[in-house]
């Protein structure tokens, strides 16, 4: 599914436990996330948290935001079995 957030097109590539709620994402999204290739949103204590991730060819790439490590990030930094989503910027 493709969505528009702040005039940018994203594709929902994972929606675990219905974590993707467009209205909440639009409210939380800032231009800070524009440079990232992926955005992970996870729910903890009823609050949405967003984190940007990059492919290796992105100028913002660092080990901490390496998309290939997103599963480890979810396992180690998100609440156990929480609702979450991953969206990818359409280039």
C-alpha atoms as a PDB file:
ATOM      1  CA  UNK A   1       0.000   0.000   0.000  1.00  0.00           C
ATOM      2  CA  UNK A   2       1.327   3.462  -0.900  1.00  0.00           C
ATOM      3  CA  UNK A   3       0.632   6.595   1.156  1.00  0.00           C
ATOM      4  CA  UNK A   4       1.492  10.281   0.984  1.00  0.00           C
ATOM      5  CA  UNK A   5       3.047  11.867   4.071  1.00  0.00           C
ATOM      6  CA  UNK A   6       4.085  15.512   3.932  1.00  0.00           C
ATOM      7  CA  UNK A   7       3.984  15.451   0.104  1.00  0.00           C
ATOM      8  CA  UNK A   8       6.303  12.436  -0.030  1.00  0.00           C
ATOM      9  CA  UNK A   9       5.316   9.000  -1.229  1.00  0.00           C
ATOM     10  CA  UNK A  10       5.949   5.992   0.997  1.00  0.00           C
ATOM     11  CA  UNK A  11       5.132   2.331   0.674  1.00  0.00           C
ATOM     12  CA  UNK A  12       4.045   0.301   3.695  1.00  0.00           C
ATOM     13  CA  UNK A  13       6.272  -2.761   3.634  1.00  0.00           C
ATOM     14  CA  UNK A  14       5.322  -4.190   7.037  1.00  0.00           C
ATOM     15  CA  UNK A  15       2.314  -3.594   9.262  1.00  0.00           C
ATOM     16  CA  UNK A  16       2.566  -5.799  12.333  1.00  0.00           C
ATOM     17  CA  UNK A  17      -0.552  -5.983  14.510  1.00  0.00           C
ATOM     18  CA  UNK A  18      -2.128  -3.007  12.697  1.00  0.00           C
ATOM     19  CA  UNK A  19       0.604  -0.651  13.889  1.00  0.00           C
ATOM     20  CA  UNK A  20       0.217   1.576  10.836  1.00  0.00           C
ATOM     21  CA  UNK A  21      -2.212   4.415  11.623  1.00  0.00           C
ATOM     22  CA  UNK A  22      -1.791   7.126   8.997  1.00  0.00           C
ATOM     23  CA  UNK A  23      -3.343   9.948  11.036  1.00  0.00           C
ATOM     24  CA  UNK A  24      -0.961   9.336  13.958  1.00  0.00           C
ATOM     25  CA  UNK A  25       2.055   9.146  11.651  1.00  0.00           C
ATOM     26  CA  UNK A  26       1.167  12.418   9.932  1.00  0.00           C
ATOM     27  CA  UNK A  27       0.868  14.087  13.345  1.00  0.00           C
ATOM     28  CA  UNK A  28       4.278  12.789  14.480  1.00  0.00           C
ATOM     29  CA  UNK A  29       6.209  13.146  11.189  1.00  0.00           C
ATOM     30  CA  UNK A  30       8.683  16.029  10.815  1.00  0.00           C
ATOM     31  CA  UNK A  31      11.122  17.027   8.086  1.00  0.00           C
ATOM     32  CA  UNK A  32      13.833  15.290  10.135  1.00  0.00           C
ATOM     33  CA  UNK A  33      12.749  12.000   8.504  1.00  0.00           C
ATOM     34  CA  UNK A  34      12.966  13.225   4.890  1.00  0.00           C
ATOM     35  CA  UNK A  35      16.533  11.997   4.377  1.00  0.00           C
ATOM     36  CA  UNK A  36      15.865   8.458   5.554  1.00  0.00           C
ATOM     37  CA  UNK A  37      14.954   5.596   3.235  1.00  0.00           C
ATOM     38  CA  UNK A  38      12.785   3.811   5.825  1.00  0.00           C
ATOM     39  CA  UNK A  39      10.811   4.801   8.880  1.00  0.00           C
ATOM     40  CA  UNK A  40       9.991   2.368  11.648  1.00  0.00           C
ATOM     41  CA  UNK A  41       7.087   3.264  13.879  1.00  0.00           C
ATOM     42  CA  UNK A  42       6.507   1.309  17.082  1.00  0.00           C
ATOM     43  CA  UNK A  43       3.936   1.677  19.807  1.00  0.00           C
ATOM     44  CA  UNK A  44       4.922   1.687  23.475  1.00  0.00           C
ATOM     45  CA  UNK A  45       2.518   2.593  26.288  1.00  0.00           C
ATOM     46  CA  UNK A  46       0.039   3.959  23.748  1.00  0.00           C
ATOM     47  CA  UNK A  47       2.596   6.329  22.195  1.00  0.00           C
ATOM     48  CA  UNK A  48       4.008   6.181  18.680  1.00  0.00           C
ATOM     49  CA  UNK A  49       7.786   6.367  18.302  1.00  0.00           C
ATOM     50  CA  UNK A  50       9.460   6.911  14.928  1.00  0.00           C
ATOM     51  CA  UNK A  51      13.017   5.992  13.901  1.00  0.00           C
ATOM     52  CA  UNK A  52      14.717   6.524  10.537  1.00  0.00           C
ATOM     53  CA  UNK A  53      16.814   3.891   8.768  1.00  0.00           C
ATOM     54  CA  UNK A  54      19.004   4.035   5.659  1.00  0.00           C
ATOM     55  CA  UNK A  55      20.352   1.914   2.875  1.00  0.00           C
ATOM     56  CA  UNK A  56      24.153   1.788   2.669  1.00  0.00           C
ATOM     57  CA  UNK A  57      24.285   4.269  -0.237  1.00  0.00           C
ATOM     58  CA  UNK A  58      22.456   7.019   1.706  1.00  0.00           C
ATOM     59  CA  UNK A  59      24.618   9.961   2.860  1.00  0.00           C
ATOM     60  CA  UNK A  60      22.980   9.726   6.326  1.00  0.00           C
ATOM     61  CA  UNK A  61      24.035   6.077   6.664  1.00  0.00           C
ATOM     62  CA  UNK A  62      25.590   5.061   9.968  1.00  0.00           C
ATOM     63  CA  UNK A  63      25.766   1.679  11.620  1.00  0.00           C
ATOM     64  CA  UNK A  64      23.069   2.722  14.096  1.00  0.00           C
ATOM     65  CA  UNK A  65      20.545   3.406  11.316  1.00  0.00           C
ATOM     66  CA  UNK A  66      21.523   0.581   8.941  1.00  0.00           C
ATOM     67  CA  UNK A  67      18.309  -0.914   7.560  1.00  0.00           C
ATOM     68  CA  UNK A  68      19.874  -4.370   7.456  1.00  0.00           C
ATOM     69  CA  UNK A  69      19.877  -4.276  11.297  1.00  0.00           C
ATOM     70  CA  UNK A  70      16.215  -3.297  11.698  1.00  0.00           C
ATOM     71  CA  UNK A  71      15.179  -6.712  13.048  1.00  0.00           C
ATOM     72  CA  UNK A  72      17.793  -6.418  15.804  1.00  0.00           C
ATOM     73  CA  UNK A  73      16.565  -2.893  16.583  1.00  0.00           C
ATOM     74  CA  UNK A  74      12.988  -4.146  16.925  1.00  0.00           C
ATOM     75  CA  UNK A  75      14.098  -7.037  19.139  1.00  0.00           C
ATOM     76  CA  UNK A  76      16.356  -4.942  21.393  1.00  0.00           C
ATOM     77  CA  UNK A  77      14.693  -1.515  21.488  1.00  0.00           C
ATOM     78  CA  UNK A  78      10.959  -2.026  21.085  1.00  0.00           C
ATOM     79  CA  UNK A  79       8.502  -3.428  23.602  1.00  0.00           C
ATOM     80  CA  UNK A  80       8.101  -7.184  23.312  1.00  0.00           C
ATOM     81  CA  UNK A  81       5.587  -8.111  20.585  1.00  0.00           C
ATOM     82  CA  UNK A  82       4.490  -4.487  20.169  1.00  0.00           C
ATOM     83  CA  UNK A  83       2.542  -3.106  17.236  1.00  0.00           C
ATOM     84  CA  UNK A  84       4.832  -1.615  14.618  1.00  0.00           C
ATOM     85  CA  UNK A  85       5.180  -0.719  10.965  1.00  0.00           C
ATOM     86  CA  UNK A  86       7.925  -0.078   8.422  1.00  0.00           C
ATOM     87  CA  UNK A  87       7.479   2.312   5.520  1.00  0.00           C
ATOM     88  CA  UNK A  88       9.892   2.842   2.627  1.00  0.00           C
ATOM     89  CA  UNK A  89      10.327   6.084   0.711  1.00  0.00           C
ATOM     90  CA  UNK A  90       9.402   5.692  -2.943  1.00  0.00           C
ATOM     91  CA  UNK A  91      12.247   7.146  -5.005  1.00  0.00           C
END
